Amino acid sequence: MIRKSTALEEHEDLEKQVAHLKSGLENRGRIGIAIGIVMERYGLDSDLAFKLLVRISQHENRKMYVIAEEVIGGRDLSVGNDAELDA
């Protein structure tokens, strides 16, 4: 038997969706800030700064927003980069 959603369940689902979207927007904003920092620190354009953050994220197998927070916190990307990251 298929059970219909109650108004309360629908409300809870919508609250979860809103929270997820807010988190995504916040992460996007923080990544944008990190891109700007990388551009300024290393003299890169926005495309290369973004690609560098993506590459580091993939290489370290960590979420992009985590790398962005570290950059905002002062992480120096020029120290300890592996040859795989150079390009």
PDB file of N, CA and C in Angstrom:
ATOM      1  N   MET A   1       0.837  -1.178   0.000  1.00  0.00           N
ATOM      2  CA  MET A   1       0.000   0.000   0.000  1.00  0.00           C
ATOM      3  C   MET A   1       0.885   1.246   0.000  1.00  0.00           C
ATOM      4  N   ILE A   2       0.585   2.182  -0.850  1.00  0.00           N
ATOM      5  CA  ILE A   2       1.324   3.437  -0.937  1.00  0.00           C
ATOM      6  C   ILE A   2       0.728   4.422   0.054  1.00  0.00           C
ATOM      7  N   ARG A   3       1.606   4.967   0.890  1.00  0.00           N
ATOM      8  CA  ARG A   3       1.165   5.907   1.902  1.00  0.00           C
ATOM      9  C   ARG A   3       1.383   7.326   1.392  1.00  0.00           C
ATOM     10  N   LYS A   4       0.395   8.161   1.524  1.00  0.00           N
ATOM     11  CA  LYS A   4       0.529   9.551   1.113  1.00  0.00           C
ATOM     12  C   LYS A   4       1.301  10.324   2.173  1.00  0.00           C
ATOM     13  N   SER A   5       2.100  11.275   1.696  1.00  0.00           N
ATOM     14  CA  SER A   5       2.859  12.122   2.618  1.00  0.00           C
ATOM     15  C   SER A   5       1.919  13.013   3.398  1.00  0.00           C
ATOM     16  N   THR A   6       2.266  13.198   4.629  1.00  0.00           N
ATOM     17  CA  THR A   6       1.497  14.124   5.439  1.00  0.00           C
ATOM     18  C   THR A   6       2.067  15.528   5.247  1.00  0.00           C
ATOM     19  N   ALA A   7       1.304  16.501   5.636  1.00  0.00           N
ATOM     20  CA  ALA A   7       1.756  17.885   5.525  1.00  0.00           C
ATOM     21  C   ALA A   7       3.035  18.088   6.340  1.00  0.00           C
ATOM     22  N   LEU A   8       3.128  17.431   7.486  1.00  0.00           N
ATOM     23  CA  LEU A   8       4.309  17.551   8.330  1.00  0.00           C
ATOM     24  C   LEU A   8       5.545  16.976   7.638  1.00  0.00           C
ATOM     25  N   GLU A   9       5.406  15.817   7.013  1.00  0.00           N
ATOM     26  CA  GLU A   9       6.527  15.210   6.293  1.00  0.00           C
ATOM     27  C   GLU A   9       6.972  16.094   5.135  1.00  0.00           C
ATOM     28  N   GLU A  10       6.008  16.652   4.421  1.00  0.00           N
ATOM     29  CA  GLU A  10       6.337  17.536   3.304  1.00  0.00           C
ATOM     30  C   GLU A  10       7.065  18.779   3.808  1.00  0.00           C
ATOM     31  N   HIS A  11       6.618  19.315   4.940  1.00  0.00           N
ATOM     32  CA  HIS A  11       7.264  20.482   5.535  1.00  0.00           C
ATOM     33  C   HIS A  11       8.707  20.150   5.932  1.00  0.00           C
ATOM     34  N   GLU A  12       8.907  18.986   6.538  1.00  0.00           N
ATOM     35  CA  GLU A  12      10.247  18.571   6.943  1.00  0.00           C
ATOM     36  C   GLU A  12      11.150  18.389   5.726  1.00  0.00           C
ATOM     37  N   ASP A  13      10.611  17.813   4.662  1.00  0.00           N
ATOM     38  CA  ASP A  13      11.383  17.648   3.426  1.00  0.00           C
ATOM     39  C   ASP A  13      11.794  18.996   2.857  1.00  0.00           C
ATOM     40  N   LEU A  14      10.879  19.947   2.874  1.00  0.00           N
ATOM     41  CA  LEU A  14      11.187  21.281   2.365  1.00  0.00           C
ATOM     42  C   LEU A  14      12.241  21.971   3.232  1.00  0.00           C
ATOM     43  N   GLU A  15      12.162  21.796   4.532  1.00  0.00           N
ATOM     44  CA  GLU A  15      13.167  22.377   5.429  1.00  0.00           C
ATOM     45  C   GLU A  15      14.548  21.797   5.142  1.00  0.00           C
ATOM     46  N   LYS A  16      14.622  20.495   4.891  1.00  0.00           N
ATOM     47  CA  LYS A  16      15.895  19.856   4.554  1.00  0.00           C
ATOM     48  C   LYS A  16      16.439  20.402   3.242  1.00  0.00           C
ATOM     49  N   GLN A  17      15.562  20.577   2.262  1.00  0.00           N
ATOM     50  CA  GLN A  17      15.985  21.115   0.965  1.00  0.00           C
ATOM     51  C   GLN A  17      16.518  22.536   1.106  1.00  0.00           C
ATOM     52  N   VAL A  18      15.843  23.360   1.886  1.00  0.00           N
ATOM     53  CA  VAL A  18      16.272  24.741   2.102  1.00  0.00           C
ATOM     54  C   VAL A  18      17.635  24.762   2.799  1.00  0.00           C
ATOM     55  N   ALA A  19      17.809  23.929   3.805  1.00  0.00           N
ATOM     56  CA  ALA A  19      19.085  23.869   4.521  1.00  0.00           C
ATOM     57  C   ALA A  19      20.211  23.447   3.576  1.00  0.00           C
ATOM     58  N   HIS A  20      19.926  22.472   2.722  1.00  0.00           N
ATOM     59  CA  HIS A  20      20.917  21.991   1.755  1.00  0.00           C
ATOM     60  C   HIS A  20      21.287  23.106   0.771  1.00  0.00           C
ATOM     61  N   LEU A  21      20.300  23.828   0.278  1.00  0.00           N
ATOM     62  CA  LEU A  21      20.558  24.919  -0.662  1.00  0.00           C
ATOM     63  C   LEU A  21      21.342  26.051  -0.004  1.00  0.00           C
ATOM     64  N   LYS A  22      21.004  26.382   1.235  1.00  0.00           N
ATOM     65  CA  LYS A  22      21.739  27.423   1.954  1.00  0.00           C
ATOM     66  C   LYS A  22      23.201  27.029   2.123  1.00  0.00           C
ATOM     67  N   SER A  23      23.427  25.783   2.479  1.00  0.00           N
ATOM     68  CA  SER A  23      24.788  25.290   2.651  1.00  0.00           C
ATOM     69  C   SER A  23      25.554  25.378   1.337  1.00  0.00           C
ATOM     70  N   GLY A  24      24.909  24.990   0.251  1.00  0.00           N
ATOM     71  CA  GLY A  24      25.545  25.056  -1.060  1.00  0.00           C
ATOM     72  C   GLY A  24      25.910  26.474  -1.453  1.00  0.00           C
ATOM     73  N   LEU A  25      25.010  27.416  -1.179  1.00  0.00           N
ATOM     74  CA  LEU A  25      25.291  28.813  -1.500  1.00  0.00           C
ATOM     75  C   LEU A  25      26.436  29.358  -0.650  1.00  0.00           C
ATOM     76  N   GLU A  26      26.453  28.981   0.618  1.00  0.00           N
ATOM     77  CA  GLU A  26      27.531  29.430   1.494  1.00  0.00           C
ATOM     78  C   GLU A  26      28.867  28.875   1.023  1.00  0.00           C
ATOM     79  N   ASN A  27      28.887  27.578   0.688  1.00  0.00           N
ATOM     80  CA  ASN A  27      30.117  26.953   0.201  1.00  0.00           C
ATOM     81  C   ASN A  27      30.576  27.613  -1.096  1.00  0.00           C
ATOM     82  N   ARG A  28      29.644  27.907  -1.976  1.00  0.00           N
ATOM     83  CA  ARG A  28      29.978  28.539  -3.245  1.00  0.00           C
ATOM     84  C   ARG A  28      30.615  29.909  -3.006  1.00  0.00           C
ATOM     85  N   GLY A  29      30.052  30.649  -2.061  1.00  0.00           N
ATOM     86  CA  GLY A  29      30.608  31.951  -1.734  1.00  0.00           C
ATOM     87  C   GLY A  29      32.009  31.859  -1.171  1.00  0.00           C
ATOM     88  N   ARG A  30      32.222  30.892  -0.296  1.00  0.00           N
ATOM     89  CA  ARG A  30      33.548  30.709   0.308  1.00  0.00           C
ATOM     90  C   ARG A  30      34.559  30.254  -0.745  1.00  0.00           C
ATOM     91  N   ILE A  31      34.141  29.424  -1.682  1.00  0.00           N
ATOM     92  CA  ILE A  31      35.032  29.003  -2.767  1.00  0.00           C
ATOM     93  C   ILE A  31      35.388  30.209  -3.634  1.00  0.00           C
ATOM     94  N   GLY A  32      34.419  31.077  -3.880  1.00  0.00           N
ATOM     95  CA  GLY A  32      34.682  32.299  -4.642  1.00  0.00           C
ATOM     96  C   GLY A  32      35.706  33.192  -3.949  1.00  0.00           C
ATOM     97  N   ILE A  33      35.593  33.303  -2.641  1.00  0.00           N
ATOM     98  CA  ILE A  33      36.562  34.090  -1.870  1.00  0.00           C
ATOM     99  C   ILE A  33      37.952  33.466  -1.998  1.00  0.00           C
ATOM    100  N   ALA A  34      38.026  32.141  -1.878  1.00  0.00           N
ATOM    101  CA  ALA A  34      39.311  31.445  -1.994  1.00  0.00           C
ATOM    102  C   ALA A  34      39.912  31.639  -3.388  1.00  0.00           C
ATOM    103  N   ILE A  35      39.081  31.605  -4.409  1.00  0.00           N
ATOM    104  CA  ILE A  35      39.571  31.839  -5.771  1.00  0.00           C
ATOM    105  C   ILE A  35      40.193  33.233  -5.859  1.00  0.00           C
ATOM    106  N   GLY A  36      39.527  34.218  -5.288  1.00  0.00           N
ATOM    107  CA  GLY A  36      40.060  35.577  -5.290  1.00  0.00           C
ATOM    108  C   GLY A  36      41.391  35.674  -4.563  1.00  0.00           C
ATOM    109  N   ILE A  37      41.510  34.980  -3.453  1.00  0.00           N
ATOM    110  CA  ILE A  37      42.761  34.979  -2.689  1.00  0.00           C
ATOM    111  C   ILE A  37      43.880  34.351  -3.513  1.00  0.00           C
ATOM    112  N   VAL A  38      43.587  33.210  -4.135  1.00  0.00           N
ATOM    113  CA  VAL A  38      44.592  32.523  -4.965  1.00  0.00           C
ATOM    114  C   VAL A  38      44.999  33.412  -6.142  1.00  0.00           C
ATOM    115  N   MET A  39      44.032  34.094  -6.740  1.00  0.00           N
ATOM    116  CA  MET A  39      44.337  35.006  -7.858  1.00  0.00           C
ATOM    117  C   MET A  39      45.322  36.077  -7.405  1.00  0.00           C
ATOM    118  N   GLU A  40      45.042  36.669  -6.261  1.00  0.00           N
ATOM    119  CA  GLU A  40      45.876  37.771  -5.765  1.00  0.00           C
ATOM    120  C   GLU A  40      47.252  37.274  -5.334  1.00  0.00           C
ATOM    121  N   ARG A  41      47.297  36.172  -4.602  1.00  0.00           N
ATOM    122  CA  ARG A  41      48.570  35.668  -4.067  1.00  0.00           C
ATOM    123  C   ARG A  41      49.518  35.192  -5.151  1.00  0.00           C
ATOM    124  N   TYR A  42      48.977  34.516  -6.163  1.00  0.00           N
ATOM    125  CA  TYR A  42      49.822  33.827  -7.132  1.00  0.00           C
ATOM    126  C   TYR A  42      49.744  34.417  -8.536  1.00  0.00           C
ATOM    127  N   GLY A  43      49.015  35.513  -8.688  1.00  0.00           N
ATOM    128  CA  GLY A  43      48.948  36.188  -9.977  1.00  0.00           C
ATOM    129  C   GLY A  43      48.271  35.370 -11.066  1.00  0.00           C
ATOM    130  N   LEU A  44      47.253  34.607 -10.692  1.00  0.00           N
ATOM    131  CA  LEU A  44      46.536  33.766 -11.654  1.00  0.00           C
ATOM    132  C   LEU A  44      45.222  34.423 -12.041  1.00  0.00           C
ATOM    133  N   ASP A  45      44.702  34.036 -13.216  1.00  0.00           N
ATOM    134  CA  ASP A  45      43.348  34.478 -13.553  1.00  0.00           C
ATOM    135  C   ASP A  45      42.360  33.548 -12.852  1.00  0.00           C
ATOM    136  N   SER A  46      41.092  33.901 -12.902  1.00  0.00           N
ATOM    137  CA  SER A  46      40.094  33.144 -12.135  1.00  0.00           C
ATOM    138  C   SER A  46      39.990  31.693 -12.584  1.00  0.00           C
ATOM    139  N   ASP A  47      40.131  31.445 -13.877  1.00  0.00           N
ATOM    140  CA  ASP A  47      40.029  30.081 -14.390  1.00  0.00           C
ATOM    141  C   ASP A  47      41.165  29.213 -13.849  1.00  0.00           C
ATOM    142  N   LEU A  48      42.381  29.730 -13.889  1.00  0.00           N
ATOM    143  CA  LEU A  48      43.524  28.955 -13.380  1.00  0.00           C
ATOM    144  C   LEU A  48      43.467  28.786 -11.867  1.00  0.00           C
ATOM    145  N   ALA A  49      43.012  29.811 -11.167  1.00  0.00           N
ATOM    146  CA  ALA A  49      42.879  29.704  -9.708  1.00  0.00           C
ATOM    147  C   ALA A  49      41.872  28.612  -9.354  1.00  0.00           C
ATOM    148  N   PHE A  50      40.736  28.586 -10.054  1.00  0.00           N
ATOM    149  CA  PHE A  50      39.730  27.561  -9.819  1.00  0.00           C
ATOM    150  C   PHE A  50      40.296  26.179 -10.127  1.00  0.00           C
ATOM    151  N   LYS A  51      40.988  26.046 -11.258  1.00  0.00           N
ATOM    152  CA  LYS A  51      41.562  24.754 -11.634  1.00  0.00           C
ATOM    153  C   LYS A  51      42.577  24.271 -10.614  1.00  0.00           C
ATOM    154  N   LEU A  52      43.361  25.191 -10.055  1.00  0.00           N
ATOM    155  CA  LEU A  52      44.325  24.809  -9.028  1.00  0.00           C
ATOM    156  C   LEU A  52      43.614  24.268  -7.794  1.00  0.00           C
ATOM    157  N   LEU A  53      42.565  24.946  -7.367  1.00  0.00           N
ATOM    158  CA  LEU A  53      41.808  24.468  -6.202  1.00  0.00           C
ATOM    159  C   LEU A  53      41.164  23.103  -6.473  1.00  0.00           C
ATOM    160  N   VAL A  54      40.637  22.926  -7.673  1.00  0.00           N
ATOM    161  CA  VAL A  54      40.044  21.632  -8.045  1.00  0.00           C
ATOM    162  C   VAL A  54      41.100  20.536  -8.016  1.00  0.00           C
ATOM    163  N   ARG A  55      42.249  20.839  -8.579  1.00  0.00           N
ATOM    164  CA  ARG A  55      43.318  19.843  -8.656  1.00  0.00           C
ATOM    165  C   ARG A  55      43.797  19.445  -7.253  1.00  0.00           C
ATOM    166  N   ILE A  56      43.954  20.425  -6.386  1.00  0.00           N
ATOM    167  CA  ILE A  56      44.361  20.125  -5.008  1.00  0.00           C
ATOM    168  C   ILE A  56      43.286  19.298  -4.306  1.00  0.00           C
ATOM    169  N   SER A  57      42.033  19.676  -4.506  1.00  0.00           N
ATOM    170  CA  SER A  57      40.922  18.952  -3.915  1.00  0.00           C
ATOM    171  C   SER A  57      40.929  17.488  -4.357  1.00  0.00           C
ATOM    172  N   GLN A  58      41.126  17.269  -5.638  1.00  0.00           N
ATOM    173  CA  GLN A  58      41.137  15.904  -6.164  1.00  0.00           C
ATOM    174  C   GLN A  58      42.358  15.138  -5.679  1.00  0.00           C
ATOM    175  N   HIS A  59      43.509  15.801  -5.696  1.00  0.00           N
ATOM    176  CA  HIS A  59      44.757  15.151  -5.293  1.00  0.00           C
ATOM    177  C   HIS A  59      44.713  14.715  -3.825  1.00  0.00           C
ATOM    178  N   GLU A  60      44.143  15.561  -2.984  1.00  0.00           N
ATOM    179  CA  GLU A  60      44.064  15.260  -1.554  1.00  0.00           C
ATOM    180  C   GLU A  60      42.798  14.490  -1.190  1.00  0.00           C
ATOM    181  N   ASN A  61      41.924  14.289  -2.176  1.00  0.00           N
ATOM    182  CA  ASN A  61      40.654  13.602  -1.971  1.00  0.00           C
ATOM    183  C   ASN A  61      39.862  14.247  -0.834  1.00  0.00           C
ATOM    184  N   ARG A  62      39.748  15.583  -0.927  1.00  0.00           N
ATOM    185  CA  ARG A  62      39.031  16.363   0.078  1.00  0.00           C
ATOM    186  C   ARG A  62      38.080  17.297  -0.652  1.00  0.00           C
ATOM    187  N   LYS A  63      37.014  17.651  -0.006  1.00  0.00           N
ATOM    188  CA  LYS A  63      36.008  18.527  -0.607  1.00  0.00           C
ATOM    189  C   LYS A  63      36.605  19.891  -0.919  1.00  0.00           C
ATOM    190  N   MET A  64      36.125  20.457  -2.019  1.00  0.00           N
ATOM    191  CA  MET A  64      36.605  21.760  -2.465  1.00  0.00           C
ATOM    192  C   MET A  64      36.380  22.829  -1.397  1.00  0.00           C
ATOM    193  N   TYR A  65      35.235  22.799  -0.724  1.00  0.00           N
ATOM    194  CA  TYR A  65      34.974  23.831   0.270  1.00  0.00           C
ATOM    195  C   TYR A  65      35.932  23.730   1.462  1.00  0.00           C
ATOM    196  N   VAL A  66      36.458  22.544   1.735  1.00  0.00           N
ATOM    197  CA  VAL A  66      37.432  22.379   2.809  1.00  0.00           C
ATOM    198  C   VAL A  66      38.750  23.042   2.414  1.00  0.00           C
ATOM    199  N   ILE A  67      39.177  22.819   1.177  1.00  0.00           N
ATOM    200  CA  ILE A  67      40.391  23.459   0.674  1.00  0.00           C
ATOM    201  C   ILE A  67      40.203  24.971   0.683  1.00  0.00           C
ATOM    202  N   ALA A  68      39.025  25.430   0.260  1.00  0.00           N
ATOM    203  CA  ALA A  68      38.732  26.865   0.231  1.00  0.00           C
ATOM    204  C   ALA A  68      38.854  27.461   1.627  1.00  0.00           C
ATOM    205  N   GLU A  69      38.307  26.802   2.620  1.00  0.00           N
ATOM    206  CA  GLU A  69      38.398  27.304   3.997  1.00  0.00           C
ATOM    207  C   GLU A  69      39.851  27.397   4.453  1.00  0.00           C
ATOM    208  N   GLU A  70      40.662  26.425   4.053  1.00  0.00           N
ATOM    209  CA  GLU A  70      42.079  26.458   4.419  1.00  0.00           C
ATOM    210  C   GLU A  70      42.789  27.631   3.750  1.00  0.00           C
ATOM    211  N   VAL A  71      42.474  27.879   2.500  1.00  0.00           N
ATOM    212  CA  VAL A  71      43.065  29.015   1.785  1.00  0.00           C
ATOM    213  C   VAL A  71      42.659  30.318   2.465  1.00  0.00           C
ATOM    214  N   ILE A  72      41.393  30.438   2.797  1.00  0.00           N
ATOM    215  CA  ILE A  72      40.905  31.633   3.486  1.00  0.00           C
ATOM    216  C   ILE A  72      41.620  31.782   4.832  1.00  0.00           C
ATOM    217  N   GLY A  73      41.907  30.666   5.473  1.00  0.00           N
ATOM    218  CA  GLY A  73      42.594  30.669   6.752  1.00  0.00           C
ATOM    219  C   GLY A  73      44.090  30.898   6.655  1.00  0.00           C
ATOM    220  N   GLY A  74      44.620  30.970   5.432  1.00  0.00           N
ATOM    221  CA  GLY A  74      46.024  31.288   5.254  1.00  0.00           C
ATOM    222  C   GLY A  74      46.890  30.192   4.678  1.00  0.00           C
ATOM    223  N   ARG A  75      46.304  29.073   4.270  1.00  0.00           N
ATOM    224  CA  ARG A  75      47.107  27.993   3.699  1.00  0.00           C
ATOM    225  C   ARG A  75      47.899  28.499   2.500  1.00  0.00           C
ATOM    226  N   ASP A  76      49.182  28.171   2.475  1.00  0.00           N
ATOM    227  CA  ASP A  76      50.062  28.546   1.373  1.00  0.00           C
ATOM    228  C   ASP A  76      50.107  27.397   0.376  1.00  0.00           C
ATOM    229  N   LEU A  77      49.607  27.621  -0.811  1.00  0.00           N
ATOM    230  CA  LEU A  77      49.547  26.572  -1.824  1.00  0.00           C
ATOM    231  C   LEU A  77      50.860  26.406  -2.566  1.00  0.00           C
ATOM    232  N   SER A  78      51.790  27.331  -2.385  1.00  0.00           N
ATOM    233  CA  SER A  78      53.041  27.246  -3.122  1.00  0.00           C
ATOM    234  C   SER A  78      54.067  26.345  -2.438  1.00  0.00           C
ATOM    235  N   VAL A  79      53.810  25.961  -1.193  1.00  0.00           N
ATOM    236  CA  VAL A  79      54.738  25.127  -0.447  1.00  0.00           C
ATOM    237  C   VAL A  79      54.263  23.693  -0.448  1.00  0.00           C
ATOM    238  N   GLY A  80      55.143  22.789  -0.866  1.00  0.00           N
ATOM    239  CA  GLY A  80      54.841  21.371  -0.774  1.00  0.00           C
ATOM    240  C   GLY A  80      53.956  20.834  -1.876  1.00  0.00           C
ATOM    241  N   ASN A  81      53.762  21.577  -2.961  1.00  0.00           N
ATOM    242  CA  ASN A  81      52.967  21.046  -4.061  1.00  0.00           C
ATOM    243  C   ASN A  81      53.708  19.915  -4.742  1.00  0.00           C
ATOM    244  N   ASP A  82      53.040  18.830  -4.985  1.00  0.00           N
ATOM    245  CA  ASP A  82      53.630  17.701  -5.703  1.00  0.00           C
ATOM    246  C   ASP A  82      53.744  18.038  -7.171  1.00  0.00           C
ATOM    247  N   ALA A  83      54.584  17.299  -7.880  1.00  0.00           N
ATOM    248  CA  ALA A  83      54.744  17.503  -9.316  1.00  0.00           C
ATOM    249  C   ALA A  83      53.411  17.320 -10.036  1.00  0.00           C
ATOM    250  N   GLU A  84      52.541  16.475  -9.493  1.00  0.00           N
ATOM    251  CA  GLU A  84      51.231  16.234 -10.117  1.00  0.00           C
ATOM    252  C   GLU A  84      50.395  17.509 -10.153  1.00  0.00           C
ATOM    253  N   LEU A  85      50.622  18.410  -9.213  1.00  0.00           N
ATOM    254  CA  LEU A  85      49.836  19.626  -9.158  1.00  0.00           C
ATOM    255  C   LEU A  85      50.388  20.708 -10.066  1.00  0.00           C
ATOM    256  N   ASP A  86      51.646  20.587 -10.446  1.00  0.00           N
ATOM    257  CA  ASP A  86      52.252  21.601 -11.314  1.00  0.00           C
ATOM    258  C   ASP A  86      51.770  21.393 -12.740  1.00  0.00           C
ATOM    259  N   ALA A  87      51.310  22.457 -13.354  1.00  0.00           N
ATOM    260  CA  ALA A  87      50.887  22.354 -14.759  1.00  0.00           C
ATOM    261  C   ALA A  87      50.601  23.719 -15.312  1.00  0.00           C
TER     262      ALA A  87
END
